[in-house]
């Protein structure tokens, strides 16, 4: 069990249990690739709220398009393990015809910094080992799929990287954002600021994510910056992921509750590396909290099928 929910494949002995052909789902109208299995049982369906967004335009547009949104998080690709990248590329290829939005909740790569492209110099892209994934995102963008990227704690100043280096439009969010999904006010963020008790991390994050540090990293250049980033990444991994507990950190669910109290009805986070699907009733409203988990160890992702279907799944291809 993850996050209090029973996962279909884990608790079934039938061959290929939990594997669904595209078009099959216990939520009607939802689609899954044959290489995906549902992690959270499909109580993820929500009754749509018509025109509940101010103006109604985005919610109506989602319903009309009929295509899915896919949310992924925390792949931490380094380029050294090509098999993990290849699995992700296969996943994107399988989903390309069925999605309208790809939402990346940060930390797609182990270190990702928006080095500026200098027009007067012929300089190579500083993250050549990431090119297979970035070029596939470029294909999706040209296919008309809208890509949103929420910066994680391994991402820095990406606002113009995609347009300058790859001539593609990616909607980059340095922090959280409000969306309207299933006609409900939705909070989306990477999730690294979910625990208010981690004040030391918050101070450290503020030191890293500011314009002074941005200038220093540019001045140091890609080679030195990456050496420093590798050391910081190793320290972070040893502190937060070595001997990882078997249950999701409660701070994320508590954070979602606070957002529900603020008027949000859906909260979608990453960062914890634990897939979670939780519900809470508040003042007669059914609120939902999803944590994407991670691609790094679980290959988990969240699918939203308009107008009202949510399914937390895992790619097994």
C-alpha atoms as a PDB file:
ATOM      1  CA  UNK A   1       0.000   0.000   0.000  1.00  0.00           C
ATOM      2  CA  UNK A   2       1.153   3.507  -0.835  1.00  0.00           C
ATOM      3  CA  UNK A   3      -0.459   6.535   0.763  1.00  0.00           C
ATOM      4  CA  UNK A   4      -3.255   4.446   2.248  1.00  0.00           C
ATOM      5  CA  UNK A   5      -4.480   3.203  -1.150  1.00  0.00           C
ATOM      6  CA  UNK A   6      -4.465  -0.386  -2.395  1.00  0.00           C
ATOM      7  CA  UNK A   7      -2.617  -0.892  -5.639  1.00  0.00           C
ATOM      8  CA  UNK A   8      -4.212  -3.309  -8.015  1.00  0.00           C
ATOM      9  CA  UNK A   9      -1.185  -5.199  -9.299  1.00  0.00           C
ATOM     10  CA  UNK A  10       0.440  -5.615  -5.888  1.00  0.00           C
ATOM     11  CA  UNK A  11      -2.668  -7.196  -4.393  1.00  0.00           C
ATOM     12  CA  UNK A  12      -3.632  -9.509  -7.241  1.00  0.00           C
ATOM     13  CA  UNK A  13      -2.269 -12.872  -8.286  1.00  0.00           C
ATOM     14  CA  UNK A  14      -3.873 -12.922 -11.711  1.00  0.00           C
ATOM     15  CA  UNK A  15      -1.490 -12.743 -14.691  1.00  0.00           C
ATOM     16  CA  UNK A  16      -1.077  -9.158 -15.868  1.00  0.00           C
ATOM     17  CA  UNK A  17      -3.545  -7.926 -13.258  1.00  0.00           C
ATOM     18  CA  UNK A  18      -3.674  -4.166 -13.279  1.00  0.00           C
ATOM     19  CA  UNK A  19      -2.564  -3.971 -16.911  1.00  0.00           C
ATOM     20  CA  UNK A  20      -5.223  -2.379 -19.059  1.00  0.00           C
ATOM     21  CA  UNK A  21      -5.514  -2.042 -22.794  1.00  0.00           C
ATOM     22  CA  UNK A  22      -5.899   1.538 -24.024  1.00  0.00           C
ATOM     23  CA  UNK A  23      -9.476   2.596 -23.517  1.00  0.00           C
ATOM     24  CA  UNK A  24     -10.028   0.265 -20.529  1.00  0.00           C
ATOM     25  CA  UNK A  25     -10.334   1.694 -17.048  1.00  0.00           C
ATOM     26  CA  UNK A  26     -12.512   1.373 -14.016  1.00  0.00           C
ATOM     27  CA  UNK A  27     -13.206   5.066 -14.610  1.00  0.00           C
ATOM     28  CA  UNK A  28     -15.094   5.254 -17.888  1.00  0.00           C
ATOM     29  CA  UNK A  29     -13.594   7.692 -20.345  1.00  0.00           C
ATOM     30  CA  UNK A  30     -10.041   7.287 -19.063  1.00  0.00           C
ATOM     31  CA  UNK A  31      -7.300   5.855 -21.246  1.00  0.00           C
ATOM     32  CA  UNK A  32      -4.189   3.876 -20.359  1.00  0.00           C
ATOM     33  CA  UNK A  33      -1.410   2.551 -22.539  1.00  0.00           C
ATOM     34  CA  UNK A  34      -0.903  -1.227 -22.418  1.00  0.00           C
ATOM     35  CA  UNK A  35       2.419  -0.495 -20.687  1.00  0.00           C
ATOM     36  CA  UNK A  36       0.755   1.237 -17.729  1.00  0.00           C
ATOM     37  CA  UNK A  37      -0.751  -0.163 -14.569  1.00  0.00           C
ATOM     38  CA  UNK A  38      -3.054   1.694 -12.197  1.00  0.00           C
ATOM     39  CA  UNK A  39      -1.477   2.291  -8.818  1.00  0.00           C
ATOM     40  CA  UNK A  40      -4.379   3.941  -7.062  1.00  0.00           C
ATOM     41  CA  UNK A  41      -7.788   2.353  -7.416  1.00  0.00           C
ATOM     42  CA  UNK A  42      -9.984   4.482  -9.610  1.00  0.00           C
ATOM     43  CA  UNK A  43     -11.873   6.264  -6.883  1.00  0.00           C
ATOM     44  CA  UNK A  44     -10.036   9.153  -8.541  1.00  0.00           C
ATOM     45  CA  UNK A  45     -13.145  10.049 -10.536  1.00  0.00           C
ATOM     46  CA  UNK A  46     -14.670  13.393  -9.634  1.00  0.00           C
ATOM     47  CA  UNK A  47     -17.994  14.845 -10.595  1.00  0.00           C
ATOM     48  CA  UNK A  48     -17.290  17.824 -12.873  1.00  0.00           C
ATOM     49  CA  UNK A  49     -18.248  21.293 -11.771  1.00  0.00           C
ATOM     50  CA  UNK A  50     -19.515  23.154 -14.795  1.00  0.00           C
ATOM     51  CA  UNK A  51     -18.251  26.705 -15.272  1.00  0.00           C
ATOM     52  CA  UNK A  52     -16.863  26.919 -11.733  1.00  0.00           C
ATOM     53  CA  UNK A  53     -13.750  28.753 -12.890  1.00  0.00           C
ATOM     54  CA  UNK A  54     -14.084  32.526 -13.229  1.00  0.00           C
ATOM     55  CA  UNK A  55     -15.005  33.018 -16.885  1.00  0.00           C
ATOM     56  CA  UNK A  56     -15.222  29.252 -17.396  1.00  0.00           C
ATOM     57  CA  UNK A  57     -12.866  29.309 -20.383  1.00  0.00           C
ATOM     58  CA  UNK A  58     -10.096  26.953 -19.250  1.00  0.00           C
ATOM     59  CA  UNK A  59     -12.414  24.363 -17.756  1.00  0.00           C
ATOM     60  CA  UNK A  60     -14.578  24.383 -20.888  1.00  0.00           C
ATOM     61  CA  UNK A  61     -11.491  24.086 -23.092  1.00  0.00           C
ATOM     62  CA  UNK A  62     -10.322  21.023 -21.195  1.00  0.00           C
ATOM     63  CA  UNK A  63     -13.668  19.334 -21.642  1.00  0.00           C
ATOM     64  CA  UNK A  64     -13.747  20.071 -25.352  1.00  0.00           C
ATOM     65  CA  UNK A  65     -10.235  18.824 -26.076  1.00  0.00           C
ATOM     66  CA  UNK A  66     -10.890  15.380 -24.606  1.00  0.00           C
ATOM     67  CA  UNK A  67      -7.169  14.644 -24.415  1.00  0.00           C
ATOM     68  CA  UNK A  68      -5.290  13.725 -21.278  1.00  0.00           C
ATOM     69  CA  UNK A  69      -2.898  15.619 -19.069  1.00  0.00           C
ATOM     70  CA  UNK A  70       0.127  13.617 -17.899  1.00  0.00           C
ATOM     71  CA  UNK A  71       2.058  14.626 -14.764  1.00  0.00           C
ATOM     72  CA  UNK A  72       5.568  13.284 -14.094  1.00  0.00           C
ATOM     73  CA  UNK A  73       8.162  14.180 -11.486  1.00  0.00           C
ATOM     74  CA  UNK A  74      11.617  13.452 -10.103  1.00  0.00           C
ATOM     75  CA  UNK A  75      13.318  11.370 -12.778  1.00  0.00           C
ATOM     76  CA  UNK A  76      16.768  12.704 -11.781  1.00  0.00           C
ATOM     77  CA  UNK A  77      18.289  11.676 -15.098  1.00  0.00           C
ATOM     78  CA  UNK A  78      22.069  11.980 -15.193  1.00  0.00           C
ATOM     79  CA  UNK A  79      22.638  10.637 -18.700  1.00  0.00           C
ATOM     80  CA  UNK A  80      24.778   7.846 -17.297  1.00  0.00           C
ATOM     81  CA  UNK A  81      21.950   5.294 -17.178  1.00  0.00           C
ATOM     82  CA  UNK A  82      20.660   5.227 -20.741  1.00  0.00           C
ATOM     83  CA  UNK A  83      18.094   2.479 -19.989  1.00  0.00           C
ATOM     84  CA  UNK A  84      16.130   4.776 -17.671  1.00  0.00           C
ATOM     85  CA  UNK A  85      16.093   7.493 -20.307  1.00  0.00           C
ATOM     86  CA  UNK A  86      15.002   5.022 -22.976  1.00  0.00           C
ATOM     87  CA  UNK A  87      12.049   3.903 -20.858  1.00  0.00           C
ATOM     88  CA  UNK A  88      10.947   7.517 -20.471  1.00  0.00           C
ATOM     89  CA  UNK A  89      11.304   8.128 -24.215  1.00  0.00           C
ATOM     90  CA  UNK A  90       9.140   5.072 -24.936  1.00  0.00           C
ATOM     91  CA  UNK A  91       6.576   6.386 -22.488  1.00  0.00           C
ATOM     92  CA  UNK A  92       6.440   9.772 -24.237  1.00  0.00           C
ATOM     93  CA  UNK A  93       6.178   8.119 -27.657  1.00  0.00           C
ATOM     94  CA  UNK A  94       3.256   5.944 -26.513  1.00  0.00           C
ATOM     95  CA  UNK A  95       1.401   8.888 -25.005  1.00  0.00           C
ATOM     96  CA  UNK A  96       2.043  11.438 -27.768  1.00  0.00           C
ATOM     97  CA  UNK A  97      -1.220  10.925 -29.637  1.00  0.00           C
ATOM     98  CA  UNK A  98      -3.370  10.863 -26.516  1.00  0.00           C
ATOM     99  CA  UNK A  99      -2.279  13.901 -24.499  1.00  0.00           C
ATOM    100  CA  UNK A 100      -2.717  17.650 -24.775  1.00  0.00           C
ATOM    101  CA  UNK A 101      -0.508  18.579 -21.800  1.00  0.00           C
ATOM    102  CA  UNK A 102       2.683  17.242 -20.269  1.00  0.00           C
ATOM    103  CA  UNK A 103       3.318  18.648 -16.797  1.00  0.00           C
ATOM    104  CA  UNK A 104       6.800  18.067 -15.335  1.00  0.00           C
ATOM    105  CA  UNK A 105       6.876  18.702 -11.598  1.00  0.00           C
ATOM    106  CA  UNK A 106      10.599  19.308 -11.436  1.00  0.00           C
ATOM    107  CA  UNK A 107      13.896  17.464 -11.063  1.00  0.00           C
ATOM    108  CA  UNK A 108      13.673  15.818 -14.466  1.00  0.00           C
ATOM    109  CA  UNK A 109      17.480  15.920 -14.413  1.00  0.00           C
ATOM    110  CA  UNK A 110      19.944  15.683 -11.540  1.00  0.00           C
ATOM    111  CA  UNK A 111      21.171  19.235 -12.217  1.00  0.00           C
ATOM    112  CA  UNK A 112      19.595  21.635 -14.677  1.00  0.00           C
ATOM    113  CA  UNK A 113      20.595  25.271 -14.983  1.00  0.00           C
ATOM    114  CA  UNK A 114      19.439  27.801 -17.534  1.00  0.00           C
ATOM    115  CA  UNK A 115      22.783  28.881 -18.980  1.00  0.00           C
ATOM    116  CA  UNK A 116      22.193  31.681 -21.430  1.00  0.00           C
ATOM    117  CA  UNK A 117      22.958  31.149 -25.073  1.00  0.00           C
ATOM    118  CA  UNK A 118      25.422  33.851 -26.150  1.00  0.00           C
ATOM    119  CA  UNK A 119      24.679  34.886 -29.765  1.00  0.00           C
ATOM    120  CA  UNK A 120      28.250  36.051 -30.452  1.00  0.00           C
ATOM    121  CA  UNK A 121      29.756  32.679 -29.455  1.00  0.00           C
ATOM    122  CA  UNK A 122      29.419  29.200 -30.902  1.00  0.00           C
ATOM    123  CA  UNK A 123      29.147  27.283 -27.641  1.00  0.00           C
ATOM    124  CA  UNK A 124      27.860  23.739 -27.274  1.00  0.00           C
ATOM    125  CA  UNK A 125      24.766  23.058 -25.216  1.00  0.00           C
ATOM    126  CA  UNK A 126      26.166  22.378 -21.711  1.00  0.00           C
ATOM    127  CA  UNK A 127      23.983  19.322 -21.016  1.00  0.00           C
ATOM    128  CA  UNK A 128      24.598  17.138 -24.059  1.00  0.00           C
ATOM    129  CA  UNK A 129      23.823  13.955 -22.099  1.00  0.00           C
ATOM    130  CA  UNK A 130      20.265  15.258 -21.615  1.00  0.00           C
ATOM    131  CA  UNK A 131      19.671  15.828 -25.319  1.00  0.00           C
ATOM    132  CA  UNK A 132      17.694  12.610 -26.014  1.00  0.00           C
ATOM    133  CA  UNK A 133      15.009  13.700 -23.544  1.00  0.00           C
ATOM    134  CA  UNK A 134      15.068  17.384 -24.465  1.00  0.00           C
ATOM    135  CA  UNK A 135      14.839  16.637 -28.174  1.00  0.00           C
ATOM    136  CA  UNK A 136      11.856  14.369 -27.524  1.00  0.00           C
ATOM    137  CA  UNK A 137      10.177  17.199 -25.616  1.00  0.00           C
ATOM    138  CA  UNK A 138      10.840  19.336 -28.668  1.00  0.00           C
ATOM    139  CA  UNK A 139       8.995  16.780 -30.807  1.00  0.00           C
ATOM    140  CA  UNK A 140       6.022  16.867 -28.421  1.00  0.00           C
ATOM    141  CA  UNK A 141       5.947  20.653 -28.496  1.00  0.00           C
ATOM    142  CA  UNK A 142       5.927  20.689 -32.292  1.00  0.00           C
ATOM    143  CA  UNK A 143       3.135  18.112 -32.157  1.00  0.00           C
ATOM    144  CA  UNK A 144       1.003  20.717 -30.374  1.00  0.00           C
ATOM    145  CA  UNK A 145       1.351  19.365 -26.836  1.00  0.00           C
ATOM    146  CA  UNK A 146       1.599  22.071 -24.199  1.00  0.00           C
ATOM    147  CA  UNK A 147       4.490  21.479 -21.797  1.00  0.00           C
ATOM    148  CA  UNK A 148       4.592  22.953 -18.307  1.00  0.00           C
ATOM    149  CA  UNK A 149       7.748  22.699 -16.194  1.00  0.00           C
ATOM    150  CA  UNK A 150       7.677  23.389 -12.449  1.00  0.00           C
ATOM    151  CA  UNK A 151      11.201  23.939 -11.197  1.00  0.00           C
ATOM    152  CA  UNK A 152      12.325  21.557  -8.470  1.00  0.00           C
ATOM    153  CA  UNK A 153      15.218  21.820  -6.063  1.00  0.00           C
ATOM    154  CA  UNK A 154      17.596  20.550  -8.774  1.00  0.00           C
ATOM    155  CA  UNK A 155      16.393  23.121 -11.344  1.00  0.00           C
ATOM    156  CA  UNK A 156      17.602  26.700 -11.659  1.00  0.00           C
ATOM    157  CA  UNK A 157      16.471  29.628 -13.812  1.00  0.00           C
ATOM    158  CA  UNK A 158      14.986  27.663 -16.711  1.00  0.00           C
ATOM    159  CA  UNK A 159      12.625  30.389 -17.901  1.00  0.00           C
ATOM    160  CA  UNK A 160      14.297  30.984 -21.280  1.00  0.00           C
ATOM    161  CA  UNK A 161      16.378  27.815 -21.710  1.00  0.00           C
ATOM    162  CA  UNK A 162      13.861  25.935 -23.817  1.00  0.00           C
ATOM    163  CA  UNK A 163      13.144  28.789 -26.219  1.00  0.00           C
ATOM    164  CA  UNK A 164      16.786  29.865 -26.607  1.00  0.00           C
ATOM    165  CA  UNK A 165      18.319  26.440 -27.120  1.00  0.00           C
ATOM    166  CA  UNK A 166      15.453  24.431 -28.625  1.00  0.00           C
ATOM    167  CA  UNK A 167      13.024  26.994 -30.057  1.00  0.00           C
ATOM    168  CA  UNK A 168      10.110  25.442 -28.216  1.00  0.00           C
ATOM    169  CA  UNK A 169       7.528  26.922 -25.931  1.00  0.00           C
ATOM    170  CA  UNK A 170       7.598  25.567 -22.396  1.00  0.00           C
ATOM    171  CA  UNK A 171       5.630  27.250 -19.642  1.00  0.00           C
ATOM    172  CA  UNK A 172       8.174  27.403 -16.808  1.00  0.00           C
ATOM    173  CA  UNK A 173       7.097  27.987 -13.205  1.00  0.00           C
ATOM    174  CA  UNK A 174       9.750  28.889 -10.652  1.00  0.00           C
ATOM    175  CA  UNK A 175       7.208  28.217  -7.897  1.00  0.00           C
ATOM    176  CA  UNK A 176       3.664  26.985  -7.461  1.00  0.00           C
ATOM    177  CA  UNK A 177       0.777  27.673  -9.814  1.00  0.00           C
ATOM    178  CA  UNK A 178      -2.996  27.620  -9.721  1.00  0.00           C
ATOM    179  CA  UNK A 179      -4.859  25.671 -12.410  1.00  0.00           C
ATOM    180  CA  UNK A 180      -8.443  24.594 -12.956  1.00  0.00           C
ATOM    181  CA  UNK A 181      -8.875  20.857 -13.463  1.00  0.00           C
ATOM    182  CA  UNK A 182     -12.228  19.074 -13.448  1.00  0.00           C
ATOM    183  CA  UNK A 183     -13.718  22.506 -12.776  1.00  0.00           C
ATOM    184  CA  UNK A 184     -11.865  22.631  -9.466  1.00  0.00           C
ATOM    185  CA  UNK A 185      -9.273  25.009  -8.105  1.00  0.00           C
ATOM    186  CA  UNK A 186      -6.005  23.090  -8.250  1.00  0.00           C
ATOM    187  CA  UNK A 187      -2.660  23.780  -6.599  1.00  0.00           C
ATOM    188  CA  UNK A 188       0.414  22.429  -8.420  1.00  0.00           C
ATOM    189  CA  UNK A 189       4.012  22.624  -7.211  1.00  0.00           C
ATOM    190  CA  UNK A 190       7.188  20.583  -6.982  1.00  0.00           C
ATOM    191  CA  UNK A 191       6.608  20.233  -3.249  1.00  0.00           C
ATOM    192  CA  UNK A 192      10.008  20.910  -1.694  1.00  0.00           C
ATOM    193  CA  UNK A 193       8.526  23.705   0.430  1.00  0.00           C
ATOM    194  CA  UNK A 194       5.796  21.514   1.907  1.00  0.00           C
ATOM    195  CA  UNK A 195       7.397  21.033   5.323  1.00  0.00           C
ATOM    196  CA  UNK A 196       7.530  24.303   7.337  1.00  0.00           C
ATOM    197  CA  UNK A 197       9.834  22.634   9.876  1.00  0.00           C
ATOM    198  CA  UNK A 198      12.659  22.421   7.346  1.00  0.00           C
ATOM    199  CA  UNK A 199      13.706  26.028   7.947  1.00  0.00           C
ATOM    200  CA  UNK A 200      17.388  25.321   7.309  1.00  0.00           C
ATOM    201  CA  UNK A 201      16.524  23.962   3.878  1.00  0.00           C
ATOM    202  CA  UNK A 202      14.387  27.030   3.166  1.00  0.00           C
ATOM    203  CA  UNK A 203      17.279  29.352   4.000  1.00  0.00           C
ATOM    204  CA  UNK A 204      19.656  27.289   1.887  1.00  0.00           C
ATOM    205  CA  UNK A 205      17.174  27.267  -1.000  1.00  0.00           C
ATOM    206  CA  UNK A 206      16.806  31.022  -0.847  1.00  0.00           C
ATOM    207  CA  UNK A 207      20.575  31.375  -1.000  1.00  0.00           C
ATOM    208  CA  UNK A 208      20.718  29.206  -4.115  1.00  0.00           C
ATOM    209  CA  UNK A 209      17.689  30.537  -5.959  1.00  0.00           C
ATOM    210  CA  UNK A 210      18.398  34.236  -6.330  1.00  0.00           C
ATOM    211  CA  UNK A 211      19.845  36.524  -8.968  1.00  0.00           C
ATOM    212  CA  UNK A 212      23.229  36.853  -7.216  1.00  0.00           C
ATOM    213  CA  UNK A 213      23.778  33.094  -7.292  1.00  0.00           C
ATOM    214  CA  UNK A 214      22.519  33.037 -10.866  1.00  0.00           C
ATOM    215  CA  UNK A 215      25.235  35.507 -11.852  1.00  0.00           C
ATOM    216  CA  UNK A 216      27.937  33.592  -9.981  1.00  0.00           C
ATOM    217  CA  UNK A 217      27.004  30.297 -11.627  1.00  0.00           C
ATOM    218  CA  UNK A 218      27.083  31.928 -15.039  1.00  0.00           C
ATOM    219  CA  UNK A 219      30.475  33.402 -14.240  1.00  0.00           C
ATOM    220  CA  UNK A 220      31.827  30.045 -13.039  1.00  0.00           C
ATOM    221  CA  UNK A 221      30.576  28.320 -16.179  1.00  0.00           C
ATOM    222  CA  UNK A 222      29.039  24.877 -16.748  1.00  0.00           C
ATOM    223  CA  UNK A 223      32.050  22.734 -15.815  1.00  0.00           C
ATOM    224  CA  UNK A 224      32.690  24.199 -12.365  1.00  0.00           C
ATOM    225  CA  UNK A 225      28.980  24.631 -11.653  1.00  0.00           C
ATOM    226  CA  UNK A 226      28.328  20.971 -12.357  1.00  0.00           C
ATOM    227  CA  UNK A 227      31.128  19.807 -10.069  1.00  0.00           C
ATOM    228  CA  UNK A 228      29.657  21.845  -7.225  1.00  0.00           C
ATOM    229  CA  UNK A 229      26.155  20.616  -8.069  1.00  0.00           C
ATOM    230  CA  UNK A 230      27.300  16.980  -7.919  1.00  0.00           C
ATOM    231  CA  UNK A 231      28.646  17.501  -4.405  1.00  0.00           C
ATOM    232  CA  UNK A 232      25.455  19.220  -3.250  1.00  0.00           C
ATOM    233  CA  UNK A 233      23.342  16.520  -4.866  1.00  0.00           C
ATOM    234  CA  UNK A 234      25.272  13.776  -3.101  1.00  0.00           C
ATOM    235  CA  UNK A 235      24.855  15.541   0.245  1.00  0.00           C
ATOM    236  CA  UNK A 236      21.127  15.927  -0.376  1.00  0.00           C
ATOM    237  CA  UNK A 237      20.745  12.279  -1.368  1.00  0.00           C
ATOM    238  CA  UNK A 238      22.558  11.052   1.733  1.00  0.00           C
ATOM    239  CA  UNK A 239      20.473  13.260   4.019  1.00  0.00           C
ATOM    240  CA  UNK A 240      17.000  12.786   2.552  1.00  0.00           C
ATOM    241  CA  UNK A 241      16.978   9.503   0.616  1.00  0.00           C
ATOM    242  CA  UNK A 242      19.422   7.100   2.258  1.00  0.00           C
ATOM    243  CA  UNK A 243      17.489   4.815   4.580  1.00  0.00           C
ATOM    244  CA  UNK A 244      14.246   6.225   3.224  1.00  0.00           C
ATOM    245  CA  UNK A 245      11.215   5.364   5.399  1.00  0.00           C
ATOM    246  CA  UNK A 246       8.636   2.890   4.125  1.00  0.00           C
ATOM    247  CA  UNK A 247       5.747   5.357   4.406  1.00  0.00           C
ATOM    248  CA  UNK A 248       5.204   8.787   2.850  1.00  0.00           C
ATOM    249  CA  UNK A 249       6.344  11.743   4.975  1.00  0.00           C
ATOM    250  CA  UNK A 250       3.209  13.130   6.676  1.00  0.00           C
ATOM    251  CA  UNK A 251       4.244  16.734   5.960  1.00  0.00           C
ATOM    252  CA  UNK A 252       2.953  16.529   2.383  1.00  0.00           C
ATOM    253  CA  UNK A 253      -0.553  15.435   3.342  1.00  0.00           C
ATOM    254  CA  UNK A 254      -0.597  18.105   6.064  1.00  0.00           C
ATOM    255  CA  UNK A 255       0.452  20.688   3.487  1.00  0.00           C
ATOM    256  CA  UNK A 256      -2.370  19.571   1.188  1.00  0.00           C
ATOM    257  CA  UNK A 257      -4.837  19.981   4.071  1.00  0.00           C
ATOM    258  CA  UNK A 258      -3.682  23.579   4.573  1.00  0.00           C
ATOM    259  CA  UNK A 259      -4.257  24.245   0.879  1.00  0.00           C
ATOM    260  CA  UNK A 260      -7.750  22.756   1.137  1.00  0.00           C
ATOM    261  CA  UNK A 261      -8.419  25.201   3.976  1.00  0.00           C
ATOM    262  CA  UNK A 262      -7.358  28.001   1.605  1.00  0.00           C
ATOM    263  CA  UNK A 263      -9.996  26.965  -0.941  1.00  0.00           C
ATOM    264  CA  UNK A 264      -8.125  24.551  -3.203  1.00  0.00           C
ATOM    265  CA  UNK A 265      -9.902  21.275  -3.935  1.00  0.00           C
ATOM    266  CA  UNK A 266      -7.062  19.431  -5.676  1.00  0.00           C
ATOM    267  CA  UNK A 267      -3.366  19.491  -4.698  1.00  0.00           C
ATOM    268  CA  UNK A 268      -0.713  17.894  -6.927  1.00  0.00           C
ATOM    269  CA  UNK A 269       2.877  17.626  -5.685  1.00  0.00           C
ATOM    270  CA  UNK A 270       6.107  15.717  -6.299  1.00  0.00           C
ATOM    271  CA  UNK A 271       9.429  15.713  -4.421  1.00  0.00           C
ATOM    272  CA  UNK A 272       8.573  13.084  -1.795  1.00  0.00           C
ATOM    273  CA  UNK A 273       9.338  10.143  -4.127  1.00  0.00           C
ATOM    274  CA  UNK A 274       6.226   8.416  -2.706  1.00  0.00           C
ATOM    275  CA  UNK A 275       3.125   8.032  -4.926  1.00  0.00           C
ATOM    276  CA  UNK A 276       0.044   9.072  -2.957  1.00  0.00           C
ATOM    277  CA  UNK A 277      -3.665   9.399  -3.668  1.00  0.00           C
ATOM    278  CA  UNK A 278      -5.653  10.723  -0.709  1.00  0.00           C
ATOM    279  CA  UNK A 279      -9.058  12.278  -0.279  1.00  0.00           C
ATOM    280  CA  UNK A 280     -10.461  14.554   2.397  1.00  0.00           C
ATOM    281  CA  UNK A 281     -13.961  15.882   2.874  1.00  0.00           C
ATOM    282  CA  UNK A 282     -14.057  19.512   3.975  1.00  0.00           C
ATOM    283  CA  UNK A 283     -17.268  21.502   4.366  1.00  0.00           C
ATOM    284  CA  UNK A 284     -19.079  19.056   2.124  1.00  0.00           C
ATOM    285  CA  UNK A 285     -16.436  19.215  -0.606  1.00  0.00           C
ATOM    286  CA  UNK A 286     -14.423  16.211  -1.729  1.00  0.00           C
ATOM    287  CA  UNK A 287     -10.799  17.331  -1.861  1.00  0.00           C
ATOM    288  CA  UNK A 288      -8.021  15.274  -3.457  1.00  0.00           C
ATOM    289  CA  UNK A 289      -4.278  15.180  -2.826  1.00  0.00           C
ATOM    290  CA  UNK A 290      -1.974  13.469  -5.312  1.00  0.00           C
ATOM    291  CA  UNK A 291       1.754  13.016  -5.066  1.00  0.00           C
ATOM    292  CA  UNK A 292       3.235  11.895  -8.366  1.00  0.00           C
ATOM    293  CA  UNK A 293       5.934   9.898  -6.615  1.00  0.00           C
ATOM    294  CA  UNK A 294       8.906   9.660  -8.944  1.00  0.00           C
ATOM    295  CA  UNK A 295      10.096   8.278 -12.240  1.00  0.00           C
ATOM    296  CA  UNK A 296      13.465   7.493 -10.664  1.00  0.00           C
ATOM    297  CA  UNK A 297      12.346   4.428  -8.681  1.00  0.00           C
ATOM    298  CA  UNK A 298       8.600   3.942  -9.266  1.00  0.00           C
ATOM    299  CA  UNK A 299       8.090   5.208 -12.844  1.00  0.00           C
ATOM    300  CA  UNK A 300       4.840   6.601 -11.518  1.00  0.00           C
ATOM    301  CA  UNK A 301       2.740   9.285 -13.170  1.00  0.00           C
ATOM    302  CA  UNK A 302      -0.659  10.925 -12.814  1.00  0.00           C
ATOM    303  CA  UNK A 303      -3.179  10.980 -15.639  1.00  0.00           C
ATOM    304  CA  UNK A 304      -6.008  13.510 -15.792  1.00  0.00           C
ATOM    305  CA  UNK A 305      -8.668  12.731 -18.391  1.00  0.00           C
ATOM    306  CA  UNK A 306     -11.170  15.561 -18.889  1.00  0.00           C
ATOM    307  CA  UNK A 307     -13.635  16.277 -17.645  1.00  0.00           C
ATOM    308  CA  UNK A 308     -13.145  14.589 -14.272  1.00  0.00           C
ATOM    309  CA  UNK A 309     -10.908  11.482 -14.202  1.00  0.00           C
ATOM    310  CA  UNK A 310      -7.669  11.114 -12.227  1.00  0.00           C
ATOM    311  CA  UNK A 311      -5.564   7.953 -12.110  1.00  0.00           C
ATOM    312  CA  UNK A 312      -2.198   7.406 -10.488  1.00  0.00           C
ATOM    313  CA  UNK A 313      -0.346   4.838 -12.601  1.00  0.00           C
ATOM    314  CA  UNK A 314       3.030   3.233 -13.219  1.00  0.00           C
ATOM    315  CA  UNK A 315       4.766   2.667 -16.535  1.00  0.00           C
ATOM    316  CA  UNK A 316       5.892  -0.919 -16.949  1.00  0.00           C
ATOM    317  CA  UNK A 317       7.162  -0.832 -20.545  1.00  0.00           C
END
